[in-house]
Amino acid sequence: MDAALSARADLVGLVFFPPSPRSVTPIEAAKLAEKARGRAQVTALLVDADDALIQEIVSQVRPDLLQLHGEETAERVAAIRTRFGKPVMKAIAVSGEEDLRNVAAYEALADRLLFDAKPPKDATRPGGHGRAFDWNLLSTVSRKKPIMLSGGLTPENVAEAIRIVRPDAVDVSSGVEGAPGEKDPEMIRAFIANARAAAKKLAREKVS
């Protein structure tokens, strides 16, 4: 958290999914969120969470954004957004064009969309597991809502990902870890620096 904030991350994510090596409890998360308050937006990453858990997190952690990373339907996204009064970002797992068929339904109800690599078939948790998908698949996706790119991003490839997809934001987890669940401060700083440089380059090209 300290490394992300010192590198001026715009969003910091807290994972509430015990199978993940990055999972935190609401009590732990509340302390981390206080560090970020006023410096970066706090995102609560949830996987098919029930209302009781979401209420506990909203009350204790006070996140700015709820990231739904499970099999939540469009109707469930709408219900969570309405009940808890928080902006919602829905993650969509991608490996091929067929995975984009529900984008319009989610786009109509979520505040943001996050495109992530589809996990391996034997995976016990969602997410890209350090793997990227074909970023060119997103060329046909409408941009009615802000989009975030995730899955297999690293300090080395984030600039190319931004050049191809031109997302509103990028998300990284395992790509800045020295070991599963152990973030590397130098990799965090390099990732954010490279992402910002790539975004500035696109902005200059747009102006010219």
Protein backbone atom coordinates (compact mmCIF):
# COMPACT_ATOMS: atom_id res chain seq x y z
CA MET A 1 0.00 0.00 0.00
CA ASP A 2 2.77 2.43 0.90
CA ALA A 3 4.58 1.76 -2.38
CA ALA A 4 1.41 2.18 -4.43
CA LEU A 5 0.52 5.43 -2.74
CA SER A 6 4.03 6.87 -3.00
CA ALA A 7 4.00 6.03 -6.72
CA ARG A 8 0.68 7.91 -7.05
CA ALA A 9 -1.62 5.02 -7.92
CA ASP A 10 -5.12 6.25 -8.69
CA LEU A 11 -6.85 3.17 -7.28
CA VAL A 12 -5.78 0.55 -4.75
CA GLY A 13 -7.56 -2.78 -4.52
CA LEU A 14 -8.35 -4.83 -1.42
CA VAL A 15 -9.24 -8.48 -2.01
CA PHE A 16 -12.03 -10.14 -0.03
CA PHE A 17 -11.81 -13.72 -1.27
CA PRO A 18 -10.11 -16.23 1.08
CA PRO A 19 -8.78 -18.59 -1.65
CA SER A 20 -6.58 -15.72 -2.86
CA PRO A 21 -3.14 -15.28 -1.27
CA ARG A 22 -3.93 -11.55 -1.31
CA SER A 23 -7.14 -11.80 0.72
CA VAL A 24 -7.63 -9.52 3.73
CA THR A 25 -10.26 -9.36 6.44
CA PRO A 26 -12.55 -6.34 6.77
CA ILE A 27 -10.62 -5.33 9.92
CA GLU A 28 -7.26 -5.48 8.14
CA ALA A 29 -8.72 -3.74 5.10
CA ALA A 30 -10.12 -0.88 7.16
CA LYS A 31 -6.62 -0.01 8.38
CA LEU A 32 -5.21 -0.14 4.86
CA ALA A 33 -8.08 1.92 3.48
CA GLU A 34 -7.42 4.68 6.01
CA LYS A 35 -3.88 4.98 4.65
CA ALA A 36 -5.27 5.54 1.17
CA ARG A 37 -8.14 7.86 2.08
CA GLY A 38 -7.79 11.12 0.21
CA ARG A 39 -4.78 9.87 -1.76
CA ALA A 40 -6.26 7.11 -3.93
CA GLN A 41 -9.64 5.51 -4.45
CA VAL A 42 -10.17 2.26 -2.58
CA THR A 43 -11.63 -0.67 -4.48
CA ALA A 44 -13.14 -3.71 -2.74
CA LEU A 45 -12.71 -6.83 -4.88
CA LEU A 46 -15.54 -9.33 -4.28
CA VAL A 47 -16.29 -12.74 -5.76
CA ASP A 48 -19.97 -13.72 -5.68
CA ALA A 49 -20.28 -12.15 -2.23
CA ASP A 50 -23.59 -12.22 -0.35
CA ASP A 51 -25.26 -9.09 0.96
CA ALA A 52 -24.09 -9.70 4.53
CA LEU A 53 -20.41 -9.67 3.55
CA ILE A 54 -20.85 -6.66 1.28
CA GLN A 55 -22.59 -4.75 4.08
CA GLU A 56 -19.76 -5.57 6.48
CA ILE A 57 -17.17 -4.34 4.00
CA VAL A 58 -19.08 -1.20 3.10
CA SER A 59 -19.59 -0.35 6.76
CA GLN A 60 -16.08 -1.08 8.01
CA VAL A 61 -13.87 -0.33 5.02
CA ARG A 62 -15.92 2.39 3.29
CA PRO A 63 -14.60 1.63 -0.20
CA ASP A 64 -15.09 4.05 -3.06
CA LEU A 65 -15.82 1.28 -5.56
CA LEU A 66 -17.04 -2.32 -5.53
CA GLN A 67 -15.29 -4.62 -8.01
CA LEU A 68 -17.39 -7.71 -8.80
CA HIS A 69 -15.08 -10.44 -10.00
CA GLY A 70 -17.30 -13.52 -9.90
CA GLU A 71 -20.21 -14.89 -11.90
CA GLU A 72 -22.55 -12.05 -10.95
CA THR A 73 -25.39 -11.56 -13.42
CA ALA A 74 -26.32 -8.15 -14.78
CA GLU A 75 -29.32 -8.20 -12.45
CA ARG A 76 -27.09 -8.88 -9.46
CA VAL A 77 -24.80 -6.02 -10.46
CA ALA A 78 -27.79 -3.67 -10.55
CA ALA A 79 -29.09 -4.93 -7.20
CA ILE A 80 -25.73 -4.42 -5.46
CA ARG A 81 -25.32 -0.96 -6.92
CA THR A 82 -28.80 0.08 -5.78
CA ARG A 83 -28.70 -1.49 -2.32
CA PHE A 84 -25.27 -0.29 -1.25
CA GLY A 85 -25.10 3.01 -3.10
CA LYS A 86 -21.57 2.45 -4.36
CA PRO A 87 -20.21 2.62 -7.92
CA VAL A 88 -19.71 -0.87 -9.30
CA MET A 89 -17.07 -2.23 -11.65
CA LYS A 90 -17.86 -5.59 -13.25
CA ALA A 91 -15.00 -7.84 -14.31
CA ILE A 92 -15.43 -9.82 -17.53
CA ALA A 93 -13.15 -12.80 -18.14
CA VAL A 94 -11.94 -12.99 -21.74
CA SER A 95 -10.28 -15.68 -23.83
CA GLY A 96 -12.20 -15.28 -27.10
CA GLU A 97 -14.86 -13.22 -28.87
CA GLU A 98 -17.65 -15.31 -27.35
CA ASP A 99 -16.77 -13.94 -23.91
CA LEU A 100 -17.77 -10.44 -24.99
CA ARG A 101 -21.39 -11.26 -25.79
CA ASN A 102 -22.68 -9.98 -22.42
CA VAL A 103 -20.76 -6.71 -22.47
CA ALA A 104 -23.80 -4.62 -23.45
CA ALA A 105 -25.90 -6.00 -20.60
CA TYR A 106 -23.23 -5.24 -18.01
CA GLU A 107 -22.35 -1.91 -19.59
CA ALA A 108 -25.92 -0.72 -19.13
CA LEU A 109 -25.81 -1.31 -15.37
CA ALA A 110 -22.21 -1.06 -14.16
CA ASP A 111 -20.21 2.14 -13.75
CA ARG A 112 -17.05 0.59 -15.19
CA LEU A 113 -16.01 -2.62 -16.90
CA LEU A 114 -12.80 -4.52 -16.27
CA PHE A 115 -11.56 -6.95 -18.91
CA ASP A 116 -9.40 -9.70 -17.45
CA ALA A 117 -7.92 -12.91 -18.79
CA LYS A 118 -10.10 -15.98 -18.27
CA PRO A 119 -8.58 -18.26 -15.61
CA PRO A 120 -7.41 -21.80 -16.41
CA LYS A 121 -10.13 -24.47 -16.20
CA ASP A 122 -8.65 -25.98 -13.04
CA ALA A 123 -8.30 -22.61 -11.27
CA THR A 124 -9.80 -22.14 -7.79
CA ARG A 125 -10.10 -18.38 -8.11
CA PRO A 126 -10.89 -15.87 -10.87
CA GLY A 127 -8.44 -13.55 -12.55
CA GLY A 128 -5.74 -13.80 -15.15
CA HIS A 129 -3.28 -15.80 -13.03
CA GLY A 130 -0.47 -13.86 -14.65
CA ARG A 131 -1.66 -14.58 -18.19
CA ALA A 132 -2.68 -12.04 -20.80
CA PHE A 133 -5.40 -12.45 -23.41
CA ASP A 134 -5.45 -11.15 -26.98
CA TRP A 135 -5.90 -7.43 -26.38
CA ASN A 136 -7.01 -6.91 -29.98
CA LEU A 137 -10.30 -8.62 -29.08
CA LEU A 138 -11.36 -5.40 -27.37
CA SER A 139 -11.20 -3.37 -30.58
CA THR A 140 -14.94 -3.91 -31.15
CA VAL A 141 -16.04 -3.12 -27.59
CA SER A 142 -18.05 0.08 -27.22
CA ARG A 143 -16.78 2.71 -24.83
CA LYS A 144 -20.02 3.90 -23.28
CA LYS A 145 -18.49 3.31 -19.85
CA PRO A 146 -14.87 3.54 -18.71
CA ILE A 147 -12.92 0.32 -19.22
CA MET A 148 -10.02 -1.12 -17.26
CA LEU A 149 -7.56 -3.69 -18.58
CA SER A 150 -6.15 -6.51 -16.48
CA GLY A 151 -4.60 -9.94 -16.86
CA GLY A 152 -0.92 -10.68 -17.32
CA LEU A 153 0.18 -7.04 -17.20
CA THR A 154 3.73 -6.30 -16.06
CA PRO A 155 6.05 -3.29 -15.98
CA GLU A 156 7.50 -4.60 -19.26
CA ASN A 157 4.28 -4.95 -21.30
CA VAL A 158 1.92 -2.35 -19.84
CA ALA A 159 2.94 0.32 -22.36
CA GLU A 160 2.16 -1.98 -25.29
CA ALA A 161 -1.17 -2.95 -23.71
CA ILE A 162 -2.12 0.71 -23.35
CA ARG A 163 -1.10 1.44 -26.93
CA ILE A 164 -3.31 -1.35 -28.29
CA VAL A 165 -6.37 -1.11 -26.04
CA ARG A 166 -6.30 2.56 -24.99
CA PRO A 167 -8.09 1.76 -21.72
CA ASP A 168 -9.13 4.31 -19.14
CA ALA A 169 -7.10 2.46 -16.52
CA VAL A 170 -4.95 -0.63 -16.04
CA ASP A 171 -4.96 -3.14 -13.19
CA VAL A 172 -2.07 -5.25 -11.92
CA SER A 173 -1.57 -7.79 -9.19
CA SER A 174 0.70 -10.80 -9.81
CA GLY A 175 2.64 -8.75 -12.38
CA VAL A 176 4.24 -6.75 -9.58
CA GLU A 177 4.90 -9.63 -7.20
CA GLY A 178 8.14 -11.37 -6.35
CA ALA A 179 6.14 -14.36 -5.04
CA PRO A 180 2.39 -15.10 -4.90
CA GLY A 181 0.80 -12.48 -2.67
CA GLU A 182 4.07 -10.64 -2.03
CA LYS A 183 4.20 -7.27 -3.78
CA ASP A 184 7.55 -5.84 -4.89
CA PRO A 185 7.73 -2.06 -4.26
CA GLU A 186 10.18 -1.47 -7.11
CA MET A 187 7.97 -3.35 -9.57
CA ILE A 188 4.96 -1.33 -8.42
CA ARG A 189 6.82 1.93 -9.01
CA ALA A 190 8.04 0.77 -12.43
CA PHE A 191 4.58 -0.37 -13.48
CA ILE A 192 2.92 2.91 -12.57
CA ALA A 193 5.70 4.99 -14.13
CA ASN A 194 5.54 3.03 -17.38
CA ALA A 195 1.74 3.19 -17.49
CA ARG A 196 1.73 6.95 -16.95
CA ALA A 197 4.39 7.47 -19.61
CA ALA A 198 2.39 5.42 -22.11
CA ALA A 199 -0.78 7.35 -21.34
CA LYS A 200 1.01 10.68 -21.80
CA LYS A 201 2.38 9.49 -25.15
CA LEU A 202 -1.12 8.62 -26.36
CA ALA A 203 -2.37 12.02 -25.24
CA ARG A 204 0.36 13.77 -27.20
CA GLU A 205 -0.42 11.72 -30.29
CA LYS A 206 -4.09 12.60 -30.00
CA VAL A 207 -3.29 16.31 -29.84
CA SER A 208 -0.94 16.18 -32.82
